[in-house]
């Protein structure tokens, strides 16, 4: 330190308040201690410090790369989901059309087949239904008709319980409305009646709670 700088520092210290003087002295002592510590480092200490710094930087790089990969995967999945399920709303609207076609066919009495005009109309409705279901299949829409299956809350909506001698307790004894899935994702649950109090023997693999999805 030059004589002029030293005199300037002494003048500043003289003009400073006691608290400022203490803080300045402590800062000066820390600088001296840091300089001494740097001077006391051996080459091994320097190498160890550089290795530790390198390891930290490598860890940060790996974390950044992993985060970037996760973002890329999420973006890819979002794009795939957008492509796969873009027709969800349109598909749900078409389900009502399918339901109405099925109701029309079920409402036809046996005598209608004796009338040629009605027979032709029925065949036309059946053909329309088959065409619609084929279009559903081509677009990944699958119909669920779970009669006789064990109740699955993830796919079926139980509307009522009913006695049944044909189906074990907890199984679907009647399908009120078919369900649909779109490429594995539930589009609409099947509305069903569930057997209860019947005499049918349950399957050996049916255990209490086995129809509950525990993957969540």
Protein backbone atom coordinates (compact mmCIF):
# COMPACT_ATOMS: atom_id res chain seq x y z
CA UNK A 1 0.00 0.00 0.00
CA UNK A 2 1.42 3.43 -0.97
CA UNK A 3 1.92 6.18 1.53
CA UNK A 4 -0.77 8.30 -0.13
CA UNK A 5 -3.31 5.42 -0.09
CA UNK A 6 -2.39 4.66 3.50
CA UNK A 7 -2.91 8.28 4.51
CA UNK A 8 -6.24 8.34 2.65
CA UNK A 9 -7.39 5.15 4.43
CA UNK A 10 -6.35 6.52 7.79
CA UNK A 11 -8.23 9.76 7.08
CA UNK A 12 -11.37 7.80 6.10
CA UNK A 13 -11.08 5.68 9.25
CA UNK A 14 -10.66 8.82 11.30
CA UNK A 15 -13.79 10.36 9.81
CA UNK A 16 -15.87 7.14 10.07
CA UNK A 17 -18.12 6.32 12.99
CA UNK A 18 -16.99 3.69 15.53
CA UNK A 19 -19.30 1.05 13.99
CA UNK A 20 -17.96 1.72 10.52
CA UNK A 21 -14.41 1.53 11.82
CA UNK A 22 -15.08 -1.89 13.42
CA UNK A 23 -16.70 -3.17 10.21
CA UNK A 24 -13.79 -1.93 8.11
CA UNK A 25 -11.27 -3.58 10.43
CA UNK A 26 -13.15 -6.88 10.33
CA UNK A 27 -13.30 -6.75 6.53
CA UNK A 28 -9.58 -6.05 6.38
CA UNK A 29 -8.87 -8.97 8.70
CA UNK A 30 -11.01 -11.29 6.55
CA UNK A 31 -9.12 -10.21 3.44
CA UNK A 32 -5.81 -10.90 5.16
CA UNK A 33 -7.01 -14.30 6.40
CA UNK A 34 -8.25 -15.20 2.92
CA UNK A 35 -4.94 -14.18 1.37
CA UNK A 36 -3.06 -16.24 3.93
CA UNK A 37 -5.31 -19.25 3.30
CA UNK A 38 -4.78 -18.99 -0.46
CA UNK A 39 -1.03 -18.72 0.06
CA UNK A 40 -1.03 -21.72 2.40
CA UNK A 41 -2.74 -24.02 -0.15
CA UNK A 42 -0.61 -26.83 -1.50
CA UNK A 43 -0.89 -28.09 -5.08
CA UNK A 44 -2.87 -31.06 -3.77
CA UNK A 45 -5.35 -28.69 -2.16
CA UNK A 46 -5.76 -26.82 -5.43
CA UNK A 47 -6.26 -30.07 -7.34
CA UNK A 48 -8.83 -31.31 -4.81
CA UNK A 49 -10.73 -28.02 -5.01
CA UNK A 50 -10.74 -28.15 -8.81
CA UNK A 51 -11.92 -31.77 -8.76
CA UNK A 52 -14.75 -30.90 -6.37
CA UNK A 53 -15.77 -27.98 -8.57
CA UNK A 54 -15.63 -30.22 -11.64
CA UNK A 55 -17.83 -32.84 -9.94
CA UNK A 56 -20.36 -30.18 -8.98
CA UNK A 57 -20.48 -28.82 -12.53
CA UNK A 58 -20.86 -32.35 -13.91
CA UNK A 59 -23.74 -33.03 -11.51
CA UNK A 60 -25.46 -29.80 -12.57
CA UNK A 61 -24.99 -30.73 -16.23
CA UNK A 62 -26.51 -34.18 -15.70
CA UNK A 63 -29.47 -32.70 -13.83
CA UNK A 64 -30.03 -30.15 -16.58
CA UNK A 65 -29.85 -32.84 -19.25
CA UNK A 66 -32.30 -35.05 -17.32
CA UNK A 67 -34.72 -32.17 -16.90
CA UNK A 68 -34.49 -31.35 -20.61
CA UNK A 69 -35.20 -35.00 -21.46
CA UNK A 70 -38.24 -35.04 -19.17
CA UNK A 71 -39.56 -31.89 -20.82
CA UNK A 72 -39.03 -33.45 -24.24
CA UNK A 73 -40.90 -36.61 -23.23
CA UNK A 74 -43.79 -34.65 -21.74
CA UNK A 75 -44.03 -32.55 -24.89
CA UNK A 76 -44.00 -35.68 -27.06
CA UNK A 77 -46.73 -37.28 -24.92
CA UNK A 78 -48.84 -34.12 -25.09
CA UNK A 79 -48.56 -34.15 -28.88
CA UNK A 80 -49.48 -37.85 -29.04
CA UNK A 81 -52.44 -37.38 -26.69
CA UNK A 82 -53.61 -34.42 -28.72
CA UNK A 83 -53.53 -36.53 -31.88
CA UNK A 84 -55.12 -39.60 -30.28
CA UNK A 85 -57.89 -37.90 -28.37
CA UNK A 86 -58.67 -34.87 -30.53
CA UNK A 87 -61.94 -36.50 -31.61
CA UNK A 88 -63.13 -37.15 -28.05
CA UNK A 89 -65.94 -34.58 -28.06
CA UNK A 90 -67.06 -35.52 -31.58
CA UNK A 91 -67.02 -39.21 -30.66
CA UNK A 92 -69.18 -38.61 -27.59
CA UNK A 93 -71.70 -36.78 -29.76
CA UNK A 94 -71.86 -39.77 -32.12
CA UNK A 95 -72.55 -42.17 -29.25
CA UNK A 96 -76.09 -40.78 -29.04
CA UNK A 97 -76.58 -41.66 -32.70
CA UNK A 98 -75.43 -45.21 -32.05
CA UNK A 99 -77.73 -45.48 -29.03
CA UNK A 100 -80.73 -44.29 -31.01
CA UNK A 101 -80.09 -46.75 -33.82
CA UNK A 102 -79.89 -49.58 -31.31
CA UNK A 103 -83.10 -48.45 -29.57
CA UNK A 104 -84.90 -48.31 -32.90
CA UNK A 105 -83.89 -51.87 -33.70
CA UNK A 106 -84.85 -53.14 -30.25
CA UNK A 107 -88.24 -51.43 -30.47
CA UNK A 108 -89.19 -53.32 -33.65
CA UNK A 109 -91.69 -56.09 -32.97
CA UNK A 110 -91.52 -59.57 -34.42
CA UNK A 111 -94.39 -58.84 -36.78
CA UNK A 112 -92.44 -56.11 -38.52
CA UNK A 113 -90.43 -58.75 -40.39
CA UNK A 114 -93.64 -59.80 -42.17
CA UNK A 115 -93.98 -56.36 -43.73
CA UNK A 116 -91.65 -55.91 -46.69
CA UNK A 117 -91.44 -52.14 -46.27
CA UNK A 118 -90.61 -52.46 -42.57
CA UNK A 119 -88.18 -55.25 -43.28
CA UNK A 120 -86.33 -53.04 -45.75
CA UNK A 121 -86.30 -50.19 -43.25
CA UNK A 122 -84.93 -52.46 -40.54
CA UNK A 123 -82.18 -53.71 -42.82
CA UNK A 124 -81.26 -50.12 -43.63
CA UNK A 125 -81.03 -49.21 -39.95
CA UNK A 126 -78.93 -52.31 -39.23
CA UNK A 127 -76.59 -51.44 -42.10
CA UNK A 128 -76.27 -47.88 -40.82
CA UNK A 129 -75.43 -49.17 -37.34
CA UNK A 130 -72.80 -51.55 -38.71
CA UNK A 131 -71.24 -48.77 -40.76
CA UNK A 132 -71.14 -46.47 -37.74
CA UNK A 133 -69.58 -49.15 -35.52
CA UNK A 134 -67.01 -49.90 -38.23
CA UNK A 135 -66.11 -46.21 -38.34
CA UNK A 136 -65.79 -46.27 -34.55
CA UNK A 137 -63.42 -49.23 -34.78
CA UNK A 138 -61.29 -47.59 -37.48
CA UNK A 139 -60.83 -44.56 -35.23
CA UNK A 140 -59.95 -46.53 -32.12
CA UNK A 141 -63.40 -46.44 -30.50
CA UNK A 142 -64.31 -49.76 -28.90
CA UNK A 143 -67.77 -50.72 -27.67
CA UNK A 144 -68.12 -52.23 -24.18
CA UNK A 145 -70.91 -54.76 -23.62
CA UNK A 146 -69.91 -56.30 -20.30
CA UNK A 147 -72.80 -58.69 -19.72
CA UNK A 148 -71.59 -61.45 -17.39
CA UNK A 149 -68.36 -59.67 -16.52
CA UNK A 150 -67.37 -58.74 -13.00
CA UNK A 151 -68.23 -55.15 -12.13
CA UNK A 152 -65.31 -52.86 -12.90
CA UNK A 153 -65.78 -49.32 -11.48
CA UNK A 154 -63.24 -48.07 -14.01
CA UNK A 155 -65.46 -49.09 -16.94
CA UNK A 156 -68.95 -49.73 -15.56
CA UNK A 157 -71.49 -47.55 -13.80
CA UNK A 158 -73.77 -49.61 -11.55
CA UNK A 159 -77.31 -48.24 -11.79
CA UNK A 160 -79.17 -50.85 -9.74
CA UNK A 161 -78.86 -54.28 -8.15
CA UNK A 162 -80.99 -57.24 -9.16
CA UNK A 163 -81.35 -60.91 -8.24
CA UNK A 164 -79.93 -63.29 -10.83
CA UNK A 165 -79.57 -67.04 -11.06
CA UNK A 166 -77.35 -66.76 -14.14
CA UNK A 167 -74.66 -64.43 -12.84
CA UNK A 168 -72.72 -64.42 -9.53
CA UNK A 169 -72.99 -61.56 -7.09
CA UNK A 170 -71.06 -58.50 -8.19
CA UNK A 171 -71.27 -59.40 -11.89
CA UNK A 172 -73.10 -57.52 -14.61
CA UNK A 173 -76.54 -59.07 -15.02
CA UNK A 174 -78.00 -56.46 -17.39
CA UNK A 175 -76.58 -53.78 -19.68
CA UNK A 176 -78.77 -50.69 -19.82
CA UNK A 177 -76.41 -48.72 -22.04
CA UNK A 178 -73.21 -49.84 -23.75
CA UNK A 179 -69.96 -48.17 -22.82
CA UNK A 180 -67.13 -47.05 -25.08
CA UNK A 181 -63.37 -46.53 -24.84
CA UNK A 182 -61.22 -44.40 -27.16
CA UNK A 183 -57.77 -45.92 -27.66
CA UNK A 184 -57.79 -47.37 -24.18
CA UNK A 185 -59.22 -44.27 -22.49
CA UNK A 186 -62.75 -44.44 -21.16
CA UNK A 187 -65.12 -42.46 -23.34
CA UNK A 188 -68.33 -43.43 -21.55
CA UNK A 189 -68.92 -46.06 -18.85
CA UNK A 190 -71.42 -48.82 -19.48
CA UNK A 191 -74.58 -48.38 -17.40
CA UNK A 192 -75.33 -51.77 -15.87
CA UNK A 193 -77.44 -53.70 -13.40
CA UNK A 194 -75.44 -55.79 -10.94
CA UNK A 195 -76.38 -59.23 -9.69
CA UNK A 196 -76.99 -59.60 -5.97
CA UNK A 197 -78.51 -62.37 -3.91
CA UNK A 198 -78.51 -64.88 -6.75
CA UNK A 199 -77.54 -68.55 -6.53
CA UNK A 200 -74.94 -68.53 -9.29
CA UNK A 201 -71.48 -69.73 -8.29
CA UNK A 202 -68.74 -67.09 -8.54
CA UNK A 203 -65.59 -67.78 -10.52
CA UNK A 204 -62.63 -69.17 -8.63
CA UNK A 205 -60.52 -66.16 -9.57
CA UNK A 206 -63.06 -63.66 -8.26
CA UNK A 207 -61.83 -62.38 -4.92
CA UNK A 208 -63.32 -59.54 -2.87
CA UNK A 209 -61.90 -56.27 -4.08
CA UNK A 210 -60.29 -57.78 -7.19
CA UNK A 211 -62.36 -55.47 -9.36
CA UNK A 212 -60.92 -52.38 -7.72
CA UNK A 213 -58.14 -50.59 -9.54
CA UNK A 214 -55.25 -50.19 -7.08
CA UNK A 215 -52.76 -48.75 -9.56
CA UNK A 216 -53.56 -45.12 -8.68
